[in-house]
Amino acid sequence: MPFGVHIEYYFEKEPLGNAGALFKIKDKLDSDFLLLNADAVFDVDFNRFVAFHKQHGGVVTLFTHPNSHAGRVKRDERYLK
């Protein structure tokens, strides 16, 4: 494994979006991972992001930003619904 990274590809017959693609491979998801979109630029401390996820025991932790081309994320106080 180059750089200690294991990569698998899943080819969609039709676009499913991030959640749809993850649902299709849910049986393979047995440990924490990062999902990054290739069309976004990040200036994020990923170590801090992962530590936040682990400290809060989340099933999923999202890093998002306001934009005009994506779906909506509903927030309730500190945590998303």
Protein backbone atom coordinates (compact mmCIF):
# COMPACT_ATOMS: atom_id res chain seq x y z
CA MET A 1 0.00 0.00 0.00
CA PRO A 2 1.67 3.22 -1.11
CA PHE A 3 1.76 5.84 1.68
CA GLY A 4 -0.21 3.45 3.93
CA VAL A 5 -3.43 4.30 2.09
CA HIS A 6 -5.91 1.73 0.80
CA ILE A 7 -8.07 2.99 -2.08
CA GLU A 8 -11.05 1.24 -3.65
CA TYR A 9 -13.22 2.59 -6.45
CA TYR A 10 -16.97 2.31 -6.83
CA PHE A 11 -18.38 3.18 -10.23
CA GLU A 12 -21.95 4.48 -10.29
CA LYS A 13 -24.28 3.63 -13.16
CA GLU A 14 -26.13 6.85 -12.37
CA PRO A 15 -25.03 9.73 -10.10
CA LEU A 16 -26.08 9.01 -6.52
CA GLY A 17 -24.47 11.89 -4.64
CA ASN A 18 -22.26 11.35 -1.59
CA ALA A 19 -24.94 9.81 0.63
CA GLY A 20 -26.22 7.53 -2.12
CA ALA A 21 -22.76 6.23 -2.94
CA LEU A 22 -21.96 5.62 0.74
CA PHE A 23 -25.24 3.75 1.14
CA LYS A 24 -24.26 1.42 -1.72
CA ILE A 25 -20.98 0.49 0.01
CA LYS A 26 -22.23 0.59 3.63
CA ASP A 27 -21.27 -3.04 4.23
CA LYS A 28 -17.62 -2.19 3.55
CA LEU A 29 -17.56 0.70 6.05
CA ASP A 30 -16.16 -0.79 9.24
CA SER A 31 -13.82 1.96 10.44
CA ASP A 32 -13.50 5.75 10.44
CA PHE A 33 -12.66 7.40 7.13
CA LEU A 34 -12.60 10.80 5.47
CA LEU A 35 -14.73 11.55 2.41
CA LEU A 36 -13.35 14.47 0.43
CA ASN A 37 -14.87 16.00 -2.68
CA ALA A 38 -12.35 16.60 -5.42
CA ASP A 39 -13.95 19.89 -6.46
CA ALA A 40 -13.45 21.59 -3.08
CA VAL A 41 -10.39 23.33 -1.63
CA PHE A 42 -9.80 22.95 2.11
CA ASP A 43 -7.75 24.85 4.64
CA VAL A 44 -8.60 22.51 7.52
CA ASP A 45 -6.63 21.00 10.36
CA PHE A 46 -7.71 17.40 9.70
CA ASN A 47 -6.08 16.13 12.90
CA ARG A 48 -8.25 18.55 14.89
CA PHE A 49 -11.31 17.58 12.84
CA VAL A 50 -10.78 13.85 13.49
CA ALA A 51 -10.10 14.51 17.20
CA PHE A 52 -13.41 16.44 17.41
CA HIS A 53 -15.22 13.51 15.79
CA LYS A 54 -13.72 10.99 18.22
CA GLN A 55 -14.26 13.18 21.31
CA HIS A 56 -17.96 13.58 20.51
CA GLY A 57 -18.53 9.93 19.56
CA GLY A 58 -20.25 10.88 16.34
CA VAL A 59 -21.50 8.43 13.77
CA VAL A 60 -20.73 11.08 11.18
CA THR A 61 -19.10 14.50 11.41
CA LEU A 62 -19.61 16.98 8.57
CA PHE A 63 -17.40 19.84 7.49
CA THR A 64 -19.44 22.02 5.18
CA HIS A 65 -19.72 25.56 3.95
CA PRO A 66 -22.49 27.76 2.55
CA ASN A 67 -22.90 27.43 -1.21
CA SER A 68 -25.52 27.64 -3.93
CA HIS A 69 -25.01 24.22 -5.55
CA ALA A 70 -25.52 21.69 -2.75
CA GLY A 71 -28.34 20.44 -0.57
CA ARG A 72 -29.19 21.91 2.79
CA VAL A 73 -27.93 20.90 6.23
CA LYS A 74 -30.26 21.64 9.13
CA ARG A 75 -28.63 22.69 12.39
CA ASP A 76 -30.14 22.51 15.86
CA GLU A 77 -28.07 24.39 18.44
CA ARG A 78 -24.56 22.82 18.26
CA TYR A 79 -25.49 19.59 16.49
CA LEU A 80 -27.03 18.81 13.13
CA LYS A 81 -30.21 16.86 12.60
